[in-house]
Amino acid sequence: MASLFEVTAGAAIGYVSGVGGAVTQATSKSTGVTLNKPCGAITTTNSALAADAEVTFTVTNSEVAATDVVVACIKSGGTSGAYVLGVTAMAAGSFDLTLGNVSGGSLSQAVVINFIVLKAAAA
């Protein structure tokens, strides 16, 4: 069986090409998405997010265990420095992302979020 993960001297550590995926929200920034991959990109809708507001949505993902760690960051699509992002809940089969608008005005941008699932154990 081919490995999904790669560690090579002098190279990056991470999942190999082809194991990730991508998904786009359907209707609003609070709409949950499903992406059953260990890593990937989530594109939010370009619906408005008011100044100083935040929105949480669920990512349903069969690759996620409650003991795992999800790392997420904003890849593109938004005004630089206008958003903050955090993983705000973990469960078997899902995690929550919270996106906040820290700019001085309402923004209607499709933000692209990268994520990776790091497998972990409680003990």
PDB file of N, CA and C in Angstrom:
ATOM      1  N   MET A   1       0.827  -1.171   0.000  1.00  0.00           N
ATOM      2  CA  MET A   1       0.000   0.000   0.000  1.00  0.00           C
ATOM      3  C   MET A   1       0.878   1.244   0.000  1.00  0.00           C
ATOM      4  N   ALA A   2       0.556   2.201  -0.845  1.00  0.00           N
ATOM      5  CA  ALA A   2       1.314   3.442  -0.932  1.00  0.00           C
ATOM      6  C   ALA A   2       1.027   4.309   0.291  1.00  0.00           C
ATOM      7  N   SER A   3       2.046   5.016   0.716  1.00  0.00           N
ATOM      8  CA  SER A   3       1.904   5.896   1.865  1.00  0.00           C
ATOM      9  C   SER A   3       1.195   7.187   1.465  1.00  0.00           C
ATOM     10  N   LEU A   4       0.351   7.690   2.373  1.00  0.00           N
ATOM     11  CA  LEU A   4      -0.310   8.971   2.154  1.00  0.00           C
ATOM     12  C   LEU A   4       0.525  10.124   2.667  1.00  0.00           C
ATOM     13  N   PHE A   5       1.559   9.797   3.443  1.00  0.00           N
ATOM     14  CA  PHE A   5       2.355  10.800   4.123  1.00  0.00           C
ATOM     15  C   PHE A   5       3.795  10.632   3.697  1.00  0.00           C
ATOM     16  N   GLU A   6       4.522  11.714   3.608  1.00  0.00           N
ATOM     17  CA  GLU A   6       5.888  11.650   3.104  1.00  0.00           C
ATOM     18  C   GLU A   6       6.832  12.445   3.988  1.00  0.00           C
ATOM     19  N   VAL A   7       7.965  11.836   4.301  1.00  0.00           N
ATOM     20  CA  VAL A   7       9.043  12.521   5.003  1.00  0.00           C
ATOM     21  C   VAL A   7      10.306  12.247   4.207  1.00  0.00           C
ATOM     22  N   THR A   8      10.889  13.292   3.644  1.00  0.00           N
ATOM     23  CA  THR A   8      12.077  13.150   2.812  1.00  0.00           C
ATOM     24  C   THR A   8      13.119  14.148   3.290  1.00  0.00           C
ATOM     25  N   ALA A   9      14.372  13.696   3.390  1.00  0.00           N
ATOM     26  CA  ALA A   9      15.435  14.591   3.822  1.00  0.00           C
ATOM     27  C   ALA A   9      15.500  15.803   2.909  1.00  0.00           C
ATOM     28  N   GLY A  10      15.538  16.993   3.505  1.00  0.00           N
ATOM     29  CA  GLY A  10      15.644  18.219   2.742  1.00  0.00           C
ATOM     30  C   GLY A  10      14.352  18.671   2.083  1.00  0.00           C
ATOM     31  N   ALA A  11      13.242  17.976   2.350  1.00  0.00           N
ATOM     32  CA  ALA A  11      11.962  18.338   1.731  1.00  0.00           C
ATOM     33  C   ALA A  11      10.927  18.636   2.809  1.00  0.00           C
ATOM     34  N   ALA A  12       9.795  19.061   2.368  1.00  0.00           N
ATOM     35  CA  ALA A  12       8.691  19.343   3.276  1.00  0.00           C
ATOM     36  C   ALA A  12       8.105  18.058   3.834  1.00  0.00           C
ATOM     37  N   ILE A  13       7.413  18.170   4.962  1.00  0.00           N
ATOM     38  CA  ILE A  13       6.713  17.047   5.576  1.00  0.00           C
ATOM     39  C   ILE A  13       5.229  17.257   5.335  1.00  0.00           C
ATOM     40  N   GLY A  14       4.536  16.219   4.904  1.00  0.00           N
ATOM     41  CA  GLY A  14       3.101  16.364   4.712  1.00  0.00           C
ATOM     42  C   GLY A  14       2.527  15.262   3.855  1.00  0.00           C
ATOM     43  N   TYR A  15       1.275  15.427   3.498  1.00  0.00           N
ATOM     44  CA  TYR A  15       0.583  14.457   2.668  1.00  0.00           C
ATOM     45  C   TYR A  15       1.070  14.562   1.233  1.00  0.00           C
ATOM     46  N   VAL A  16       1.062  13.447   0.528  1.00  0.00           N
ATOM     47  CA  VAL A  16       1.503  13.427  -0.862  1.00  0.00           C
ATOM     48  C   VAL A  16       0.414  13.982  -1.769  1.00  0.00           C
ATOM     49  N   SER A  17       0.830  14.415  -2.928  1.00  0.00           N
ATOM     50  CA  SER A  17      -0.096  14.968  -3.915  1.00  0.00           C
ATOM     51  C   SER A  17      -1.201  13.972  -4.246  1.00  0.00           C
ATOM     52  N   GLY A  18      -2.413  14.469  -4.337  1.00  0.00           N
ATOM     53  CA  GLY A  18      -3.546  13.623  -4.709  1.00  0.00           C
ATOM     54  C   GLY A  18      -4.427  13.168  -3.573  1.00  0.00           C
ATOM     55  N   VAL A  19      -3.998  13.322  -2.308  1.00  0.00           N
ATOM     56  CA  VAL A  19      -4.834  12.862  -1.186  1.00  0.00           C
ATOM     57  C   VAL A  19      -5.748  13.949  -0.634  1.00  0.00           C
ATOM     58  N   GLY A  20      -5.527  15.190  -1.041  1.00  0.00           N
ATOM     59  CA  GLY A  20      -6.349  16.291  -0.561  1.00  0.00           C
ATOM     60  C   GLY A  20      -7.607  16.463  -1.385  1.00  0.00           C
ATOM     61  N   GLY A  21      -8.385  17.456  -1.025  1.00  0.00           N
ATOM     62  CA  GLY A  21      -9.618  17.734  -1.738  1.00  0.00           C
ATOM     63  C   GLY A  21      -9.997  19.191  -1.593  1.00  0.00           C
ATOM     64  N   ALA A  22     -11.098  19.557  -2.234  1.00  0.00           N
ATOM     65  CA  ALA A  22     -11.586  20.931  -2.166  1.00  0.00           C
ATOM     66  C   ALA A  22     -13.103  20.928  -2.152  1.00  0.00           C
ATOM     67  N   VAL A  23     -13.667  21.931  -1.474  1.00  0.00           N
ATOM     68  CA  VAL A  23     -15.117  22.068  -1.379  1.00  0.00           C
ATOM     69  C   VAL A  23     -15.447  23.558  -1.260  1.00  0.00           C
ATOM     70  N   THR A  24     -16.639  23.922  -1.746  1.00  0.00           N
ATOM     71  CA  THR A  24     -17.113  25.307  -1.656  1.00  0.00           C
ATOM     72  C   THR A  24     -18.440  25.335  -0.916  1.00  0.00           C
ATOM     73  N   GLN A  25     -18.587  26.286  -0.010  1.00  0.00           N
ATOM     74  CA  GLN A  25     -19.858  26.448   0.700  1.00  0.00           C
ATOM     75  C   GLN A  25     -20.975  26.767  -0.289  1.00  0.00           C
ATOM     76  N   ALA A  26     -22.188  26.310   0.041  1.00  0.00           N
ATOM     77  CA  ALA A  26     -23.313  26.460  -0.880  1.00  0.00           C
ATOM     78  C   ALA A  26     -24.029  27.802  -0.767  1.00  0.00           C
ATOM     79  N   THR A  27     -24.336  28.262   0.436  1.00  0.00           N
ATOM     80  CA  THR A  27     -25.233  29.415   0.531  1.00  0.00           C
ATOM     81  C   THR A  27     -24.761  30.567   1.406  1.00  0.00           C
ATOM     82  N   SER A  28     -24.108  30.310   2.513  1.00  0.00           N
ATOM     83  CA  SER A  28     -23.658  31.389   3.398  1.00  0.00           C
ATOM     84  C   SER A  28     -22.398  30.948   4.132  1.00  0.00           C
ATOM     85  N   LYS A  29     -21.755  31.898   4.795  1.00  0.00           N
ATOM     86  CA  LYS A  29     -20.525  31.565   5.522  1.00  0.00           C
ATOM     87  C   LYS A  29     -20.783  30.680   6.735  1.00  0.00           C
ATOM     88  N   SER A  30     -22.035  30.499   7.134  1.00  0.00           N
ATOM     89  CA  SER A  30     -22.351  29.599   8.244  1.00  0.00           C
ATOM     90  C   SER A  30     -22.759  28.208   7.764  1.00  0.00           C
ATOM     91  N   THR A  31     -22.809  28.002   6.459  1.00  0.00           N
ATOM     92  CA  THR A  31     -23.204  26.708   5.893  1.00  0.00           C
ATOM     93  C   THR A  31     -22.081  25.685   6.070  1.00  0.00           C
ATOM     94  N   GLY A  32     -22.400  24.544   6.648  1.00  0.00           N
ATOM     95  CA  GLY A  32     -21.422  23.481   6.809  1.00  0.00           C
ATOM     96  C   GLY A  32     -21.030  22.869   5.475  1.00  0.00           C
ATOM     97  N   VAL A  33     -19.876  22.221   5.470  1.00  0.00           N
ATOM     98  CA  VAL A  33     -19.375  21.542   4.277  1.00  0.00           C
ATOM     99  C   VAL A  33     -18.957  20.124   4.640  1.00  0.00           C
ATOM    100  N   THR A  34     -18.845  19.257   3.632  1.00  0.00           N
ATOM    101  CA  THR A  34     -18.346  17.903   3.824  1.00  0.00           C
ATOM    102  C   THR A  34     -17.150  17.688   2.915  1.00  0.00           C
ATOM    103  N   LEU A  35     -16.046  17.252   3.500  1.00  0.00           N
ATOM    104  CA  LEU A  35     -14.843  16.926   2.742  1.00  0.00           C
ATOM    105  C   LEU A  35     -14.123  15.816   3.488  1.00  0.00           C
ATOM    106  N   ASN A  36     -14.240  14.601   2.989  1.00  0.00           N
ATOM    107  CA  ASN A  36     -13.671  13.419   3.645  1.00  0.00           C
ATOM    108  C   ASN A  36     -12.259  13.146   3.146  1.00  0.00           C
ATOM    109  N   LYS A  37     -11.371  14.086   3.427  1.00  0.00           N
ATOM    110  CA  LYS A  37      -9.960  14.014   3.037  1.00  0.00           C
ATOM    111  C   LYS A  37      -9.106  14.460   4.215  1.00  0.00           C
ATOM    112  N   PRO A  38      -7.845  14.007   4.299  1.00  0.00           N
ATOM    113  CA  PRO A  38      -6.993  14.401   5.425  1.00  0.00           C
ATOM    114  C   PRO A  38      -6.444  15.824   5.314  1.00  0.00           C
ATOM    115  N   CYS A  39      -6.632  16.449   4.166  1.00  0.00           N
ATOM    116  CA  CYS A  39      -6.197  17.823   3.979  1.00  0.00           C
ATOM    117  C   CYS A  39      -6.964  18.407   2.801  1.00  0.00           C
ATOM    118  N   GLY A  40      -6.949  19.730   2.694  1.00  0.00           N
ATOM    119  CA  GLY A  40      -7.654  20.305   1.564  1.00  0.00           C
ATOM    120  C   GLY A  40      -7.901  21.786   1.705  1.00  0.00           C
ATOM    121  N   ALA A  41      -8.805  22.270   0.838  1.00  0.00           N
ATOM    122  CA  ALA A  41      -9.146  23.684   0.795  1.00  0.00           C
ATOM    123  C   ALA A  41     -10.657  23.844   0.840  1.00  0.00           C
ATOM    124  N   ILE A  42     -11.096  24.809   1.615  1.00  0.00           N
ATOM    125  CA  ILE A  42     -12.513  25.144   1.740  1.00  0.00           C
ATOM    126  C   ILE A  42     -12.672  26.588   1.257  1.00  0.00           C
ATOM    127  N   THR A  43     -13.534  26.800   0.284  1.00  0.00           N
ATOM    128  CA  THR A  43     -13.815  28.149  -0.185  1.00  0.00           C
ATOM    129  C   THR A  43     -15.160  28.580   0.382  1.00  0.00           C
ATOM    130  N   THR A  44     -15.159  29.695   1.111  1.00  0.00           N
ATOM    131  CA  THR A  44     -16.405  30.206   1.671  1.00  0.00           C
ATOM    132  C   THR A  44     -17.196  30.908   0.571  1.00  0.00           C
ATOM    133  N   THR A  45     -18.461  31.132   0.814  1.00  0.00           N
ATOM    134  CA  THR A  45     -19.242  31.947  -0.109  1.00  0.00           C
ATOM    135  C   THR A  45     -18.761  33.394   0.005  1.00  0.00           C
ATOM    136  N   ASN A  46     -19.197  34.202  -0.923  1.00  0.00           N
ATOM    137  CA  ASN A  46     -18.824  35.613  -0.847  1.00  0.00           C
ATOM    138  C   ASN A  46     -19.925  36.444  -0.181  1.00  0.00           C
ATOM    139  N   SER A  47     -20.721  35.795   0.649  1.00  0.00           N
ATOM    140  CA  SER A  47     -21.757  36.512   1.399  1.00  0.00           C
ATOM    141  C   SER A  47     -21.107  37.464   2.400  1.00  0.00           C
ATOM    142  N   ALA A  48     -21.827  38.493   2.772  1.00  0.00           N
ATOM    143  CA  ALA A  48     -21.285  39.533   3.645  1.00  0.00           C
ATOM    144  C   ALA A  48     -21.030  39.015   5.058  1.00  0.00           C
ATOM    145  N   LEU A  49     -19.948  39.490   5.630  1.00  0.00           N
ATOM    146  CA  LEU A  49     -19.640  39.278   7.041  1.00  0.00           C
ATOM    147  C   LEU A  49     -19.374  40.661   7.627  1.00  0.00           C
ATOM    148  N   ALA A  50     -20.222  41.086   8.547  1.00  0.00           N
ATOM    149  CA  ALA A  50     -20.160  42.436   9.106  1.00  0.00           C
ATOM    150  C   ALA A  50     -18.841  42.679   9.842  1.00  0.00           C
ATOM    151  N   ALA A  51     -18.498  43.937   9.994  1.00  0.00           N
ATOM    152  CA  ALA A  51     -17.314  44.324  10.757  1.00  0.00           C
ATOM    153  C   ALA A  51     -17.421  43.782  12.170  1.00  0.00           C
ATOM    154  N   ASP A  52     -16.329  43.268  12.687  1.00  0.00           N
ATOM    155  CA  ASP A  52     -16.240  42.734  14.051  1.00  0.00           C
ATOM    156  C   ASP A  52     -17.189  41.569  14.312  1.00  0.00           C
ATOM    157  N   ALA A  53     -17.641  40.901  13.253  1.00  0.00           N
ATOM    158  CA  ALA A  53     -18.524  39.735  13.406  1.00  0.00           C
ATOM    159  C   ALA A  53     -17.721  38.470  13.151  1.00  0.00           C
ATOM    160  N   GLU A  54     -18.239  37.372  13.671  1.00  0.00           N
ATOM    161  CA  GLU A  54     -17.638  36.077  13.380  1.00  0.00           C
ATOM    162  C   GLU A  54     -18.734  35.078  13.082  1.00  0.00           C
ATOM    163  N   VAL A  55     -18.351  34.036  12.345  1.00  0.00           N
ATOM    164  CA  VAL A  55     -19.289  32.997  11.957  1.00  0.00           C
ATOM    165  C   VAL A  55     -18.592  31.646  12.129  1.00  0.00           C
ATOM    166  N   THR A  56     -19.354  30.663  12.592  1.00  0.00           N
ATOM    167  CA  THR A  56     -18.828  29.310  12.782  1.00  0.00           C
ATOM    168  C   THR A  56     -19.563  28.361  11.858  1.00  0.00           C
ATOM    169  N   PHE A  57     -18.806  27.450  11.229  1.00  0.00           N
ATOM    170  CA  PHE A  57     -19.412  26.411  10.407  1.00  0.00           C
ATOM    171  C   PHE A  57     -18.712  25.079  10.670  1.00  0.00           C
ATOM    172  N   THR A  58     -19.455  24.001  10.430  1.00  0.00           N
ATOM    173  CA  THR A  58     -18.956  22.650  10.682  1.00  0.00           C
ATOM    174  C   THR A  58     -18.416  22.037   9.402  1.00  0.00           C
ATOM    175  N   VAL A  59     -17.250  21.407   9.533  1.00  0.00           N
ATOM    176  CA  VAL A  59     -16.665  20.623   8.448  1.00  0.00           C
ATOM    177  C   VAL A  59     -16.868  19.160   8.825  1.00  0.00           C
ATOM    178  N   THR A  60     -17.727  18.468   8.091  1.00  0.00           N
ATOM    179  CA  THR A  60     -17.935  17.037   8.309  1.00  0.00           C
ATOM    180  C   THR A  60     -16.838  16.313   7.547  1.00  0.00           C
ATOM    181  N   ASN A  61     -16.105  15.444   8.265  1.00  0.00           N
ATOM    182  CA  ASN A  61     -14.938  14.807   7.672  1.00  0.00           C
ATOM    183  C   ASN A  61     -14.706  13.455   8.350  1.00  0.00           C
ATOM    184  N   SER A  62     -14.912  12.380   7.622  1.00  0.00           N
ATOM    185  CA  SER A  62     -14.775  11.029   8.168  1.00  0.00           C
ATOM    186  C   SER A  62     -13.333  10.676   8.529  1.00  0.00           C
ATOM    187  N   GLU A  63     -12.372  11.470   8.116  1.00  0.00           N
ATOM    188  CA  GLU A  63     -10.958  11.227   8.430  1.00  0.00           C
ATOM    189  C   GLU A  63     -10.584  11.706   9.838  1.00  0.00           C
ATOM    190  N   VAL A  64     -11.471  12.455  10.479  1.00  0.00           N
ATOM    191  CA  VAL A  64     -11.152  13.113  11.751  1.00  0.00           C
ATOM    192  C   VAL A  64     -11.614  12.277  12.944  1.00  0.00           C
ATOM    193  N   ALA A  65     -10.700  12.081  13.881  1.00  0.00           N
ATOM    194  CA  ALA A  65     -11.027  11.468  15.170  1.00  0.00           C
ATOM    195  C   ALA A  65     -11.048  12.582  16.221  1.00  0.00           C
ATOM    196  N   ALA A  66     -11.742  12.356  17.308  1.00  0.00           N
ATOM    197  CA  ALA A  66     -11.859  13.366  18.359  1.00  0.00           C
ATOM    198  C   ALA A  66     -10.506  13.729  18.976  1.00  0.00           C
ATOM    199  N   THR A  67      -9.529  12.836  18.874  1.00  0.00           N
ATOM    200  CA  THR A  67      -8.203  13.083  19.447  1.00  0.00           C
ATOM    201  C   THR A  67      -7.243  13.769  18.483  1.00  0.00           C
ATOM    202  N   ASP A  68      -7.657  13.966  17.234  1.00  0.00           N
ATOM    203  CA  ASP A  68      -6.786  14.574  16.230  1.00  0.00           C
ATOM    204  C   ASP A  68      -6.633  16.074  16.442  1.00  0.00           C
ATOM    205  N   VAL A  69      -5.699  16.646  15.718  1.00  0.00           N
ATOM    206  CA  VAL A  69      -5.476  18.087  15.717  1.00  0.00           C
ATOM    207  C   VAL A  69      -5.668  18.577  14.286  1.00  0.00           C
ATOM    208  N   VAL A  70      -6.504  19.575  14.110  1.00  0.00           N
ATOM    209  CA  VAL A  70      -6.685  20.190  12.794  1.00  0.00           C
ATOM    210  C   VAL A  70      -5.992  21.544  12.812  1.00  0.00           C
ATOM    211  N   VAL A  71      -5.177  21.774  11.813  1.00  0.00           N
ATOM    212  CA  VAL A  71      -4.517  23.062  11.641  1.00  0.00           C
ATOM    213  C   VAL A  71      -5.146  23.704  10.409  1.00  0.00           C
ATOM    214  N   ALA A  72      -5.542  24.964  10.531  1.00  0.00           N
ATOM    215  CA  ALA A  72      -6.173  25.667   9.416  1.00  0.00           C
ATOM    216  C   ALA A  72      -5.588  27.066   9.291  1.00  0.00           C
ATOM    217  N   CYS A  73      -5.536  27.557   8.059  1.00  0.00           N
ATOM    218  CA  CYS A  73      -5.060  28.919   7.813  1.00  0.00           C
ATOM    219  C   CYS A  73      -5.779  29.497   6.605  1.00  0.00           C
ATOM    220  N   ILE A  74      -5.759  30.799   6.511  1.00  0.00           N
ATOM    221  CA  ILE A  74      -6.349  31.475   5.362  1.00  0.00           C
ATOM    222  C   ILE A  74      -5.318  31.474   4.245  1.00  0.00           C
ATOM    223  N   LYS A  75      -5.711  30.879   3.127  1.00  0.00           N
ATOM    224  CA  LYS A  75      -4.811  30.781   1.969  1.00  0.00           C
ATOM    225  C   LYS A  75      -4.892  32.024   1.096  1.00  0.00           C
ATOM    226  N   SER A  76      -6.106  32.428   0.754  1.00  0.00           N
ATOM    227  CA  SER A  76      -6.280  33.539  -0.180  1.00  0.00           C
ATOM    228  C   SER A  76      -7.729  34.002  -0.191  1.00  0.00           C
ATOM    229  N   GLY A  77      -8.003  34.981  -1.039  1.00  0.00           N
ATOM    230  CA  GLY A  77      -9.368  35.424  -1.271  1.00  0.00           C
ATOM    231  C   GLY A  77      -9.847  36.554  -0.400  1.00  0.00           C
ATOM    232  N   GLY A  78      -9.182  36.782   0.702  1.00  0.00           N
ATOM    233  CA  GLY A  78      -9.616  37.834   1.605  1.00  0.00           C
ATOM    234  C   GLY A  78      -8.594  38.948   1.676  1.00  0.00           C
ATOM    235  N   THR A  79      -9.037  40.105   2.092  1.00  0.00           N
ATOM    236  CA  THR A  79      -8.140  41.225   2.312  1.00  0.00           C
ATOM    237  C   THR A  79      -7.129  40.839   3.388  1.00  0.00           C
ATOM    238  N   SER A  80      -5.859  41.053   3.103  1.00  0.00           N
ATOM    239  CA  SER A  80      -4.798  40.679   4.039  1.00  0.00           C
ATOM    240  C   SER A  80      -5.021  41.327   5.399  1.00  0.00           C
ATOM    241  N   GLY A  81      -5.008  40.523   6.449  1.00  0.00           N
ATOM    242  CA  GLY A  81      -5.165  41.002   7.808  1.00  0.00           C
ATOM    243  C   GLY A  81      -6.589  41.307   8.238  1.00  0.00           C
ATOM    244  N   ALA A  82      -7.563  41.088   7.347  1.00  0.00           N
ATOM    245  CA  ALA A  82      -8.954  41.429   7.658  1.00  0.00           C
ATOM    246  C   ALA A  82      -9.700  40.316   8.386  1.00  0.00           C
ATOM    247  N   TYR A  83      -9.143  39.102   8.398  1.00  0.00           N
ATOM    248  CA  TYR A  83      -9.834  37.955   8.991  1.00  0.00           C
ATOM    249  C   TYR A  83      -8.946  37.242  10.002  1.00  0.00           C
ATOM    250  N   VAL A  84      -9.577  36.630  10.979  1.00  0.00           N
ATOM    251  CA  VAL A  84      -8.922  35.680  11.875  1.00  0.00           C
ATOM    252  C   VAL A  84      -9.676  34.364  11.747  1.00  0.00           C
ATOM    253  N   LEU A  85      -8.957  33.264  11.941  1.00  0.00           N
ATOM    254  CA  LEU A  85      -9.533  31.932  11.763  1.00  0.00           C
ATOM    255  C   LEU A  85      -9.070  31.041  12.893  1.00  0.00           C
ATOM    256  N   GLY A  86      -9.989  30.209  13.383  1.00  0.00           N
ATOM    257  CA  GLY A  86      -9.618  29.258  14.411  1.00  0.00           C
ATOM    258  C   GLY A  86     -10.434  27.988  14.326  1.00  0.00           C
ATOM    259  N   VAL A  87      -9.819  26.897  14.765  1.00  0.00           N
ATOM    260  CA  VAL A  87     -10.534  25.628  14.930  1.00  0.00           C
ATOM    261  C   VAL A  87     -11.139  25.695  16.320  1.00  0.00           C
ATOM    262  N   THR A  88     -12.469  25.675  16.407  1.00  0.00           N
ATOM    263  CA  THR A  88     -13.120  25.953  17.690  1.00  0.00           C
ATOM    264  C   THR A  88     -13.812  24.747  18.313  1.00  0.00           C
ATOM    265  N   ALA A  89     -13.819  23.611  17.617  1.00  0.00           N
ATOM    266  CA  ALA A  89     -14.376  22.387  18.203  1.00  0.00           C
ATOM    267  C   ALA A  89     -13.870  21.189  17.408  1.00  0.00           C
ATOM    268  N   MET A  90     -13.686  20.071  18.112  1.00  0.00           N
ATOM    269  CA  MET A  90     -13.264  18.805  17.494  1.00  0.00           C
ATOM    270  C   MET A  90     -14.203  17.705  17.958  1.00  0.00           C
ATOM    271  N   ALA A  91     -14.525  16.801  17.052  1.00  0.00           N
ATOM    272  CA  ALA A  91     -15.338  15.628  17.395  1.00  0.00           C
ATOM    273  C   ALA A  91     -14.980  14.526  16.409  1.00  0.00           C
ATOM    274  N   ALA A  92     -15.379  13.327  16.717  1.00  0.00           N
ATOM    275  CA  ALA A  92     -15.186  12.229  15.769  1.00  0.00           C
ATOM    276  C   ALA A  92     -16.045  12.513  14.541  1.00  0.00           C
ATOM    277  N   GLY A  93     -15.408  12.688  13.397  1.00  0.00           N
ATOM    278  CA  GLY A  93     -16.132  12.921  12.158  1.00  0.00           C
ATOM    279  C   GLY A  93     -16.414  14.366  11.814  1.00  0.00           C
ATOM    280  N   SER A  94     -15.925  15.314  12.625  1.00  0.00           N
ATOM    281  CA  SER A  94     -16.156  16.726  12.272  1.00  0.00           C
ATOM    282  C   SER A  94     -15.274  17.658  13.097  1.00  0.00           C
ATOM    283  N   PHE A  95     -15.170  18.877  12.595  1.00  0.00           N
ATOM    284  CA  PHE A  95     -14.548  19.963  13.355  1.00  0.00           C
ATOM    285  C   PHE A  95     -15.234  21.260  12.955  1.00  0.00           C
ATOM    286  N   ASP A  96     -15.154  22.249  13.837  1.00  0.00           N
ATOM    287  CA  ASP A  96     -15.744  23.555  13.571  1.00  0.00           C
ATOM    288  C   ASP A  96     -14.650  24.566  13.292  1.00  0.00           C
ATOM    289  N   LEU A  97     -14.905  25.436  12.317  1.00  0.00           N
ATOM    290  CA  LEU A  97     -14.037  26.568  12.026  1.00  0.00           C
ATOM    291  C   LEU A  97     -14.805  27.846  12.315  1.00  0.00           C
ATOM    292  N   THR A  98     -14.134  28.811  12.934  1.00  0.00           N
ATOM    293  CA  THR A  98     -14.729  30.115  13.178  1.00  0.00           C
ATOM    294  C   THR A  98     -13.902  31.160  12.440  1.00  0.00           C
ATOM    295  N   LEU A  99     -14.593  31.921  11.587  1.00  0.00           N
ATOM    296  CA  LEU A  99     -13.972  32.964  10.782  1.00  0.00           C
ATOM    297  C   LEU A  99     -14.476  34.310  11.290  1.00  0.00           C
ATOM    298  N   GLY A 100     -13.551  35.198  11.629  1.00  0.00           N
ATOM    299  CA  GLY A 100     -13.925  36.504  12.141  1.00  0.00           C
ATOM    300  C   GLY A 100     -13.437  37.625  11.238  1.00  0.00           C
ATOM    301  N   ASN A 101     -14.260  38.647  11.088  1.00  0.00           N
ATOM    302  CA  ASN A 101     -13.908  39.831  10.319  1.00  0.00           C
ATOM    303  C   ASN A 101     -13.408  40.885  11.305  1.00  0.00           C
ATOM    304  N   VAL A 102     -12.117  41.205  11.260  1.00  0.00           N
ATOM    305  CA  VAL A 102     -11.539  42.178  12.181  1.00  0.00           C
ATOM    306  C   VAL A 102     -11.262  43.510  11.494  1.00  0.00           C
ATOM    307  N   SER A 103     -11.799  43.672  10.292  1.00  0.00           N
ATOM    308  CA  SER A 103     -11.634  44.941   9.578  1.00  0.00           C
ATOM    309  C   SER A 103     -12.641  45.963  10.094  1.00  0.00           C
ATOM    310  N   GLY A 104     -12.574  47.149   9.593  1.00  0.00           N
ATOM    311  CA  GLY A 104     -13.485  48.190  10.025  1.00  0.00           C
ATOM    312  C   GLY A 104     -14.800  48.241   9.270  1.00  0.00           C
ATOM    313  N   GLY A 105     -14.998  47.308   8.319  1.00  0.00           N
ATOM    314  CA  GLY A 105     -16.233  47.353   7.536  1.00  0.00           C
ATOM    315  C   GLY A 105     -16.696  45.971   7.138  1.00  0.00           C
ATOM    316  N   SER A 106     -17.881  45.904   6.592  1.00  0.00           N
ATOM    317  CA  SER A 106     -18.436  44.642   6.116  1.00  0.00           C
ATOM    318  C   SER A 106     -17.647  44.169   4.900  1.00  0.00           C
ATOM    319  N   LEU A 107     -17.392  42.868   4.829  1.00  0.00           N
ATOM    320  CA  LEU A 107     -16.655  42.295   3.706  1.00  0.00           C
ATOM    321  C   LEU A 107     -17.471  41.181   3.058  1.00  0.00           C
ATOM    322  N   SER A 108     -17.441  41.142   1.733  1.00  0.00           N
ATOM    323  CA  SER A 108     -18.138  40.101   0.965  1.00  0.00           C
ATOM    324  C   SER A 108     -17.128  39.410   0.073  1.00  0.00           C
ATOM    325  N   GLN A 109     -16.288  38.591   0.689  1.00  0.00           N
ATOM    326  CA  GLN A 109     -15.207  37.933  -0.037  1.00  0.00           C
ATOM    327  C   GLN A 109     -15.296  36.420   0.123  1.00  0.00           C
ATOM    328  N   ALA A 110     -14.936  35.712  -0.935  1.00  0.00           N
ATOM    329  CA  ALA A 110     -14.824  34.256  -0.876  1.00  0.00           C
ATOM    330  C   ALA A 110     -13.423  33.934  -0.362  1.00  0.00           C
ATOM    331  N   VAL A 111     -13.342  33.528   0.894  1.00  0.00           N
ATOM    332  CA  VAL A 111     -12.064  33.250   1.545  1.00  0.00           C
ATOM    333  C   VAL A 111     -11.720  31.778   1.357  1.00  0.00           C
ATOM    334  N   VAL A 112     -10.482  31.494   0.967  1.00  0.00           N
ATOM    335  CA  VAL A 112     -10.032  30.111   0.809  1.00  0.00           C
ATOM    336  C   VAL A 112      -9.230  29.715   2.040  1.00  0.00           C
ATOM    337  N   ILE A 113      -9.651  28.627   2.673  1.00  0.00           N
ATOM    338  CA  ILE A 113      -9.048  28.135   3.915  1.00  0.00           C
ATOM    339  C   ILE A 113      -8.374  26.796   3.638  1.00  0.00           C
ATOM    340  N   ASN A 114      -7.092  26.687   3.950  1.00  0.00           N
ATOM    341  CA  ASN A 114      -6.389  25.402   3.885  1.00  0.00           C
ATOM    342  C   ASN A 114      -6.476  24.729   5.250  1.00  0.00           C
ATOM    343  N   PHE A 115      -6.573  23.383   5.242  1.00  0.00           N
ATOM    344  CA  PHE A 115      -6.547  22.645   6.505  1.00  0.00           C
ATOM    345  C   PHE A 115      -5.788  21.339   6.332  1.00  0.00           C
ATOM    346  N   ILE A 116      -5.306  20.835   7.454  1.00  0.00           N
ATOM    347  CA  ILE A 116      -4.645  19.535   7.504  1.00  0.00           C
ATOM    348  C   ILE A 116      -5.037  18.843   8.810  1.00  0.00           C
ATOM    349  N   VAL A 117      -5.260  17.562   8.747  1.00  0.00           N
ATOM    350  CA  VAL A 117      -5.596  16.757   9.928  1.00  0.00           C
ATOM    351  C   VAL A 117      -4.306  16.065  10.374  1.00  0.00           C
ATOM    352  N   LEU A 118      -3.911  16.325  11.607  1.00  0.00           N
ATOM    353  CA  LEU A 118      -2.758  15.648  12.206  1.00  0.00           C
ATOM    354  C   LEU A 118      -3.292  14.552  13.111  1.00  0.00           C
ATOM    355  N   LYS A 119      -2.976  13.323  12.809  1.00  0.00           N
ATOM    356  CA  LYS A 119      -3.458  12.192  13.595  1.00  0.00           C
ATOM    357  C   LYS A 119      -2.772  12.190  14.962  1.00  0.00           C
ATOM    358  N   ALA A 120      -3.568  11.975  16.002  1.00  0.00           N
ATOM    359  CA  ALA A 120      -3.039  12.004  17.362  1.00  0.00           C
ATOM    360  C   ALA A 120      -3.741  10.938  18.204  1.00  0.00           C
ATOM    361  N   ALA A 121      -3.188  10.688  19.351  1.00  0.00           N
ATOM    362  CA  ALA A 121      -3.772   9.741  20.300  1.00  0.00           C
ATOM    363  C   ALA A 121      -3.809  10.391  21.671  1.00  0.00           C
ATOM    364  N   ALA A 122      -4.826  10.062  22.449  1.00  0.00           N
ATOM    365  CA  ALA A 122      -4.976  10.638  23.786  1.00  0.00           C
ATOM    366  C   ALA A 122      -3.971  10.058  24.776  1.00  0.00           C
ATOM    367  N   ALA A 123      -3.518   8.860  24.526  1.00  0.00           N
ATOM    368  CA  ALA A 123      -2.569   8.243  25.441  1.00  0.00           C
ATOM    369  C   ALA A 123      -1.595   7.368  24.701  1.00  0.00           C
TER     370      ALA A 123
END
